[in-house]
N, C-alpha and C. Protein backbone atom coordinates (compact mmCIF):
# COMPACT_ATOMS: atom_id res chain seq x y z
N MET A 1 2.78 9.75 -14.72
CA MET A 1 3.00 9.11 -13.44
C MET A 1 4.00 7.97 -13.63
N SER A 2 4.84 7.82 -12.66
CA SER A 2 5.89 6.81 -12.70
C SER A 2 5.29 5.40 -12.68
N ASN A 3 6.02 4.48 -13.28
CA ASN A 3 5.63 3.07 -13.23
C ASN A 3 6.57 2.31 -12.29
N ASN A 4 7.53 3.01 -11.69
CA ASN A 4 8.47 2.41 -10.76
C ASN A 4 7.74 2.08 -9.47
N LEU A 5 7.75 0.82 -9.08
CA LEU A 5 6.97 0.37 -7.93
C LEU A 5 7.36 1.11 -6.65
N THR A 6 8.63 1.30 -6.41
CA THR A 6 9.08 2.00 -5.21
C THR A 6 8.57 3.43 -5.19
N GLN A 7 8.61 4.11 -6.32
CA GLN A 7 8.11 5.49 -6.38
C GLN A 7 6.60 5.53 -6.18
N LEU A 8 5.89 4.57 -6.74
CA LEU A 8 4.44 4.52 -6.55
C LEU A 8 4.09 4.30 -5.08
N GLU A 9 4.81 3.37 -4.42
CA GLU A 9 4.59 3.13 -2.99
C GLU A 9 4.87 4.39 -2.19
N ARG A 10 5.98 5.05 -2.50
CA ARG A 10 6.36 6.27 -1.78
C ARG A 10 5.29 7.36 -1.94
N GLN A 11 4.80 7.53 -3.17
CA GLN A 11 3.75 8.53 -3.41
C GLN A 11 2.47 8.17 -2.64
N PHE A 12 2.11 6.90 -2.65
CA PHE A 12 0.93 6.45 -1.92
C PHE A 12 1.08 6.77 -0.43
N LEU A 13 2.21 6.39 0.14
CA LEU A 13 2.43 6.62 1.57
C LEU A 13 2.53 8.10 1.90
N TYR A 14 3.14 8.85 1.03
CA TYR A 14 3.24 10.29 1.23
C TYR A 14 1.83 10.89 1.33
N GLY A 15 0.95 10.43 0.47
CA GLY A 15 -0.43 10.92 0.50
C GLY A 15 -1.19 10.47 1.73
N GLN A 16 -0.90 9.27 2.22
CA GLN A 16 -1.58 8.76 3.40
C GLN A 16 -1.08 9.42 4.68
N LEU A 17 0.22 9.68 4.74
CA LEU A 17 0.82 10.22 5.96
C LEU A 17 0.72 11.74 6.03
N GLY A 18 0.88 12.40 4.89
CA GLY A 18 0.78 13.85 4.87
C GLY A 18 1.99 14.59 5.40
N ASP A 19 2.78 13.95 6.26
CA ASP A 19 3.92 14.66 6.82
C ASP A 19 5.25 13.97 6.51
N ALA A 20 5.24 13.08 5.54
CA ALA A 20 6.47 12.38 5.17
C ALA A 20 7.38 13.33 4.41
N VAL A 21 8.65 13.12 4.55
CA VAL A 21 9.63 13.91 3.81
C VAL A 21 10.10 13.10 2.61
N PRO A 22 10.48 13.77 1.52
CA PRO A 22 10.80 13.06 0.28
C PRO A 22 11.83 11.94 0.41
N ARG A 23 12.80 12.08 1.27
CA ARG A 23 13.85 11.05 1.36
C ARG A 23 13.70 10.15 2.58
N GLU A 24 12.57 10.19 3.25
CA GLU A 24 12.34 9.29 4.38
C GLU A 24 12.38 7.85 3.88
N PRO A 25 13.08 6.97 4.58
CA PRO A 25 13.14 5.57 4.13
C PRO A 25 11.73 4.97 4.02
N LEU A 26 11.53 4.22 2.95
CA LEU A 26 10.23 3.62 2.68
C LEU A 26 9.78 2.73 3.83
N ASN A 27 10.70 1.97 4.42
CA ASN A 27 10.33 1.10 5.55
C ASN A 27 9.78 1.92 6.71
N ASN A 28 10.39 3.07 6.99
CA ASN A 28 9.90 3.94 8.07
C ASN A 28 8.50 4.45 7.76
N MET A 29 8.28 4.79 6.48
CA MET A 29 6.96 5.29 6.08
C MET A 29 5.91 4.21 6.29
N TRP A 30 6.23 2.97 5.88
CA TRP A 30 5.27 1.87 6.05
C TRP A 30 4.97 1.63 7.53
N ARG A 31 6.01 1.67 8.36
CA ARG A 31 5.80 1.45 9.80
C ARG A 31 4.93 2.56 10.39
N ARG A 32 5.19 3.80 10.02
CA ARG A 32 4.38 4.90 10.55
C ARG A 32 2.94 4.81 10.07
N TYR A 33 2.76 4.44 8.79
CA TYR A 33 1.40 4.31 8.24
C TYR A 33 0.64 3.20 8.96
N CYS A 34 1.27 2.04 9.11
CA CYS A 34 0.61 0.92 9.81
C CYS A 34 0.33 1.28 11.26
N SER A 35 1.23 2.01 11.88
CA SER A 35 1.02 2.46 13.26
C SER A 35 -0.18 3.40 13.34
N SER A 36 -0.32 4.29 12.35
CA SER A 36 -1.45 5.23 12.35
C SER A 36 -2.79 4.51 12.23
N LEU A 37 -2.77 3.30 11.68
CA LEU A 37 -3.99 2.50 11.54
C LEU A 37 -4.21 1.57 12.73
N GLY A 38 -3.27 1.60 13.67
CA GLY A 38 -3.38 0.73 14.84
C GLY A 38 -2.98 -0.72 14.57
N LEU A 39 -2.16 -0.93 13.57
CA LEU A 39 -1.78 -2.29 13.18
C LEU A 39 -0.47 -2.76 13.80
N VAL A 40 0.25 -1.87 14.46
CA VAL A 40 1.55 -2.23 15.04
C VAL A 40 1.35 -2.63 16.49
N SER A 41 1.68 -3.87 16.80
CA SER A 41 1.57 -4.33 18.18
C SER A 41 2.93 -4.45 18.84
N ASP A 42 3.97 -4.49 18.02
CA ASP A 42 5.33 -4.67 18.53
C ASP A 42 6.28 -3.96 17.57
N ASN A 43 7.10 -3.06 18.08
CA ASN A 43 8.02 -2.31 17.22
C ASN A 43 9.06 -3.20 16.53
N ARG A 44 9.20 -4.42 17.01
CA ARG A 44 10.15 -5.35 16.38
C ARG A 44 9.48 -6.19 15.31
N GLU A 45 8.20 -5.99 15.09
CA GLU A 45 7.46 -6.77 14.10
C GLU A 45 8.05 -6.55 12.70
N SER A 46 8.15 -7.62 11.94
CA SER A 46 8.75 -7.51 10.60
C SER A 46 7.86 -6.67 9.68
N LEU A 47 8.50 -6.06 8.72
CA LEU A 47 7.76 -5.28 7.74
C LEU A 47 6.80 -6.17 6.95
N ASN A 48 7.22 -7.38 6.64
CA ASN A 48 6.33 -8.32 5.93
C ASN A 48 5.06 -8.59 6.73
N SER A 49 5.22 -8.76 8.04
CA SER A 49 4.06 -8.99 8.90
C SER A 49 3.13 -7.78 8.89
N LEU A 50 3.71 -6.59 8.96
CA LEU A 50 2.89 -5.37 8.93
C LEU A 50 2.17 -5.23 7.59
N MET A 51 2.85 -5.57 6.51
CA MET A 51 2.22 -5.48 5.19
C MET A 51 1.03 -6.44 5.10
N GLU A 52 1.19 -7.65 5.64
CA GLU A 52 0.09 -8.61 5.63
C GLU A 52 -1.09 -8.08 6.44
N LYS A 53 -0.80 -7.48 7.59
CA LYS A 53 -1.86 -6.89 8.41
C LYS A 53 -2.56 -5.77 7.67
N TRP A 54 -1.78 -4.93 6.96
CA TRP A 54 -2.37 -3.82 6.21
C TRP A 54 -3.26 -4.35 5.08
N LEU A 55 -2.78 -5.36 4.36
CA LEU A 55 -3.59 -5.95 3.29
C LEU A 55 -4.90 -6.49 3.85
N ASP A 56 -4.82 -7.24 4.95
CA ASP A 56 -6.03 -7.77 5.59
C ASP A 56 -6.97 -6.65 6.02
N TYR A 57 -6.41 -5.61 6.61
CA TYR A 57 -7.19 -4.45 7.07
C TYR A 57 -7.92 -3.80 5.90
N TYR A 58 -7.19 -3.53 4.82
CA TYR A 58 -7.77 -2.84 3.67
C TYR A 58 -8.85 -3.69 3.01
N ILE A 59 -8.56 -4.96 2.84
CA ILE A 59 -9.53 -5.86 2.20
C ILE A 59 -10.79 -5.99 3.06
N SER A 60 -10.61 -6.19 4.35
CA SER A 60 -11.75 -6.31 5.27
C SER A 60 -12.56 -5.02 5.33
N ASP A 61 -11.85 -3.88 5.30
CA ASP A 61 -12.50 -2.58 5.34
C ASP A 61 -13.37 -2.35 4.10
N ASN A 62 -13.10 -3.10 3.05
CA ASN A 62 -13.89 -3.01 1.82
C ASN A 62 -14.84 -4.20 1.66
N SER A 63 -15.24 -4.76 2.80
CA SER A 63 -16.27 -5.79 2.88
C SER A 63 -15.95 -7.10 2.17
N LEU A 64 -14.67 -7.44 2.11
CA LEU A 64 -14.26 -8.73 1.56
C LEU A 64 -13.56 -9.53 2.64
N THR A 65 -13.50 -10.81 2.47
CA THR A 65 -12.74 -11.68 3.37
C THR A 65 -11.39 -11.94 2.72
N PRO A 66 -10.31 -11.54 3.41
CA PRO A 66 -8.98 -11.74 2.81
C PRO A 66 -8.66 -13.22 2.59
N VAL A 67 -8.06 -13.51 1.46
CA VAL A 67 -7.57 -14.86 1.20
C VAL A 67 -6.28 -15.05 2.01
N THR A 68 -5.72 -16.23 2.00
CA THR A 68 -4.56 -16.49 2.85
C THR A 68 -3.21 -16.15 2.22
N ASP A 69 -3.10 -16.17 0.90
CA ASP A 69 -1.81 -15.93 0.26
C ASP A 69 -1.65 -14.47 -0.17
N THR A 70 -0.44 -13.99 -0.09
CA THR A 70 -0.15 -12.58 -0.40
C THR A 70 -0.52 -12.23 -1.83
N SER A 71 -0.21 -13.10 -2.76
CA SER A 71 -0.53 -12.84 -4.16
C SER A 71 -2.03 -12.67 -4.35
N GLY A 72 -2.81 -13.53 -3.72
CA GLY A 72 -4.26 -13.43 -3.80
C GLY A 72 -4.79 -12.17 -3.16
N LYS A 73 -4.15 -11.73 -2.07
CA LYS A 73 -4.56 -10.49 -1.41
C LYS A 73 -4.34 -9.29 -2.33
N TRP A 74 -3.21 -9.28 -3.04
CA TRP A 74 -2.97 -8.17 -3.97
C TRP A 74 -3.98 -8.21 -5.12
N ALA A 75 -4.38 -9.39 -5.53
CA ALA A 75 -5.42 -9.50 -6.57
C ALA A 75 -6.73 -8.91 -6.03
N GLN A 76 -7.04 -9.17 -4.75
CA GLN A 76 -8.24 -8.58 -4.14
C GLN A 76 -8.12 -7.06 -4.09
N MET A 77 -6.94 -6.55 -3.76
CA MET A 77 -6.74 -5.10 -3.70
C MET A 77 -7.03 -4.46 -5.05
N VAL A 78 -6.57 -5.11 -6.11
CA VAL A 78 -6.78 -4.59 -7.46
C VAL A 78 -8.27 -4.62 -7.81
N THR A 79 -8.95 -5.66 -7.42
CA THR A 79 -10.39 -5.77 -7.66
C THR A 79 -11.13 -4.65 -6.93
N ILE A 80 -10.71 -4.35 -5.71
CA ILE A 80 -11.35 -3.29 -4.92
C ILE A 80 -11.31 -1.95 -5.65
N VAL A 81 -10.20 -1.66 -6.34
CA VAL A 81 -10.08 -0.37 -7.04
C VAL A 81 -10.62 -0.43 -8.46
N GLY A 82 -11.29 -1.54 -8.80
CA GLY A 82 -11.98 -1.62 -10.08
C GLY A 82 -11.12 -2.02 -11.27
N GLU A 83 -9.97 -2.60 -11.00
CA GLU A 83 -9.09 -3.05 -12.08
C GLU A 83 -9.13 -4.58 -12.19
N THR A 84 -8.61 -5.09 -13.27
CA THR A 84 -8.54 -6.53 -13.48
C THR A 84 -7.20 -7.05 -12.96
N PRO A 85 -7.23 -8.00 -12.04
CA PRO A 85 -5.97 -8.52 -11.49
C PRO A 85 -5.12 -9.24 -12.54
N SER A 86 -3.82 -9.17 -12.31
CA SER A 86 -2.84 -9.88 -13.12
C SER A 86 -2.42 -11.12 -12.34
N LYS A 87 -1.72 -12.03 -12.99
CA LYS A 87 -1.19 -13.17 -12.26
C LYS A 87 0.16 -12.84 -11.62
N PHE A 88 0.65 -11.61 -11.83
CA PHE A 88 1.94 -11.18 -11.29
C PHE A 88 1.73 -10.18 -10.17
N ILE A 89 2.32 -10.46 -9.00
CA ILE A 89 2.09 -9.65 -7.81
C ILE A 89 2.54 -8.19 -8.00
N ASN A 90 3.70 -7.97 -8.63
CA ASN A 90 4.16 -6.59 -8.80
C ASN A 90 3.27 -5.81 -9.76
N ASP A 91 2.73 -6.48 -10.77
CA ASP A 91 1.76 -5.81 -11.65
C ASP A 91 0.53 -5.39 -10.85
N ASN A 92 0.08 -6.25 -9.95
CA ASN A 92 -1.09 -5.92 -9.13
C ASN A 92 -0.79 -4.76 -8.18
N LYS A 93 0.42 -4.73 -7.62
CA LYS A 93 0.80 -3.60 -6.77
C LYS A 93 0.78 -2.30 -7.57
N ARG A 94 1.38 -2.32 -8.76
CA ARG A 94 1.38 -1.12 -9.61
C ARG A 94 -0.04 -0.67 -9.94
N LYS A 95 -0.89 -1.63 -10.29
CA LYS A 95 -2.28 -1.29 -10.63
C LYS A 95 -2.99 -0.65 -9.44
N PHE A 96 -2.80 -1.22 -8.25
CA PHE A 96 -3.45 -0.68 -7.06
C PHE A 96 -2.99 0.74 -6.77
N TYR A 97 -1.67 0.93 -6.66
CA TYR A 97 -1.15 2.26 -6.33
C TYR A 97 -1.52 3.28 -7.40
N THR A 98 -1.43 2.89 -8.67
CA THR A 98 -1.76 3.81 -9.76
C THR A 98 -3.23 4.22 -9.68
N ALA A 99 -4.11 3.27 -9.40
CA ALA A 99 -5.54 3.58 -9.30
C ALA A 99 -5.82 4.52 -8.13
N ILE A 100 -5.19 4.27 -6.99
CA ILE A 100 -5.38 5.15 -5.83
C ILE A 100 -4.83 6.53 -6.11
N LEU A 101 -3.64 6.60 -6.68
CA LEU A 101 -3.02 7.90 -6.95
C LEU A 101 -3.78 8.70 -8.00
N ALA A 102 -4.54 8.01 -8.85
CA ALA A 102 -5.32 8.71 -9.88
C ALA A 102 -6.49 9.49 -9.29
N VAL A 103 -6.95 9.07 -8.11
CA VAL A 103 -8.12 9.74 -7.52
C VAL A 103 -7.78 10.56 -6.28
N VAL A 104 -6.53 10.50 -5.83
CA VAL A 104 -6.11 11.24 -4.65
C VAL A 104 -5.09 12.27 -5.07
N GLU A 105 -5.28 13.51 -4.68
CA GLU A 105 -4.34 14.55 -5.03
C GLU A 105 -3.12 14.45 -4.12
N ILE A 106 -1.99 14.15 -4.73
CA ILE A 106 -0.73 14.00 -4.00
C ILE A 106 0.19 15.13 -4.42
N PRO A 107 0.70 15.91 -3.46
CA PRO A 107 1.62 16.98 -3.83
C PRO A 107 2.92 16.41 -4.38
N ASP A 108 3.59 17.18 -5.23
CA ASP A 108 4.87 16.77 -5.78
C ASP A 108 5.90 16.67 -4.66
N ILE A 109 6.56 15.53 -4.56
CA ILE A 109 7.52 15.36 -3.48
C ILE A 109 8.96 15.35 -4.01
N GLY A 110 9.12 15.80 -5.23
CA GLY A 110 10.44 15.99 -5.78
C GLY A 110 11.24 14.72 -5.99
N MET A 111 10.62 13.71 -6.54
CA MET A 111 11.35 12.46 -6.77
C MET A 111 11.86 12.42 -8.18
């Protein structure tokens, strides 16, 4: 499995959306995924805002109270999947996506 963060995100979203195409822009995939969860209130909303909403949604859905900082939220995400958080946000993102992809069957999307 790739350790490239962008590829891990793409694989995660591909598995969540089910109908994504291999070369669909990552930003479009995130917007569609957040929309499918009912998190999009305005199509002009920034991707950063949507990501924060998704983090809060996922953390709350797993019976935790989200912390206020993004780095802390990613540490919570890693804890949810049973891994030990790092002090580096990108390491935590990789750990989260890798843990999810290890238990979810994702078809090869030709990356």
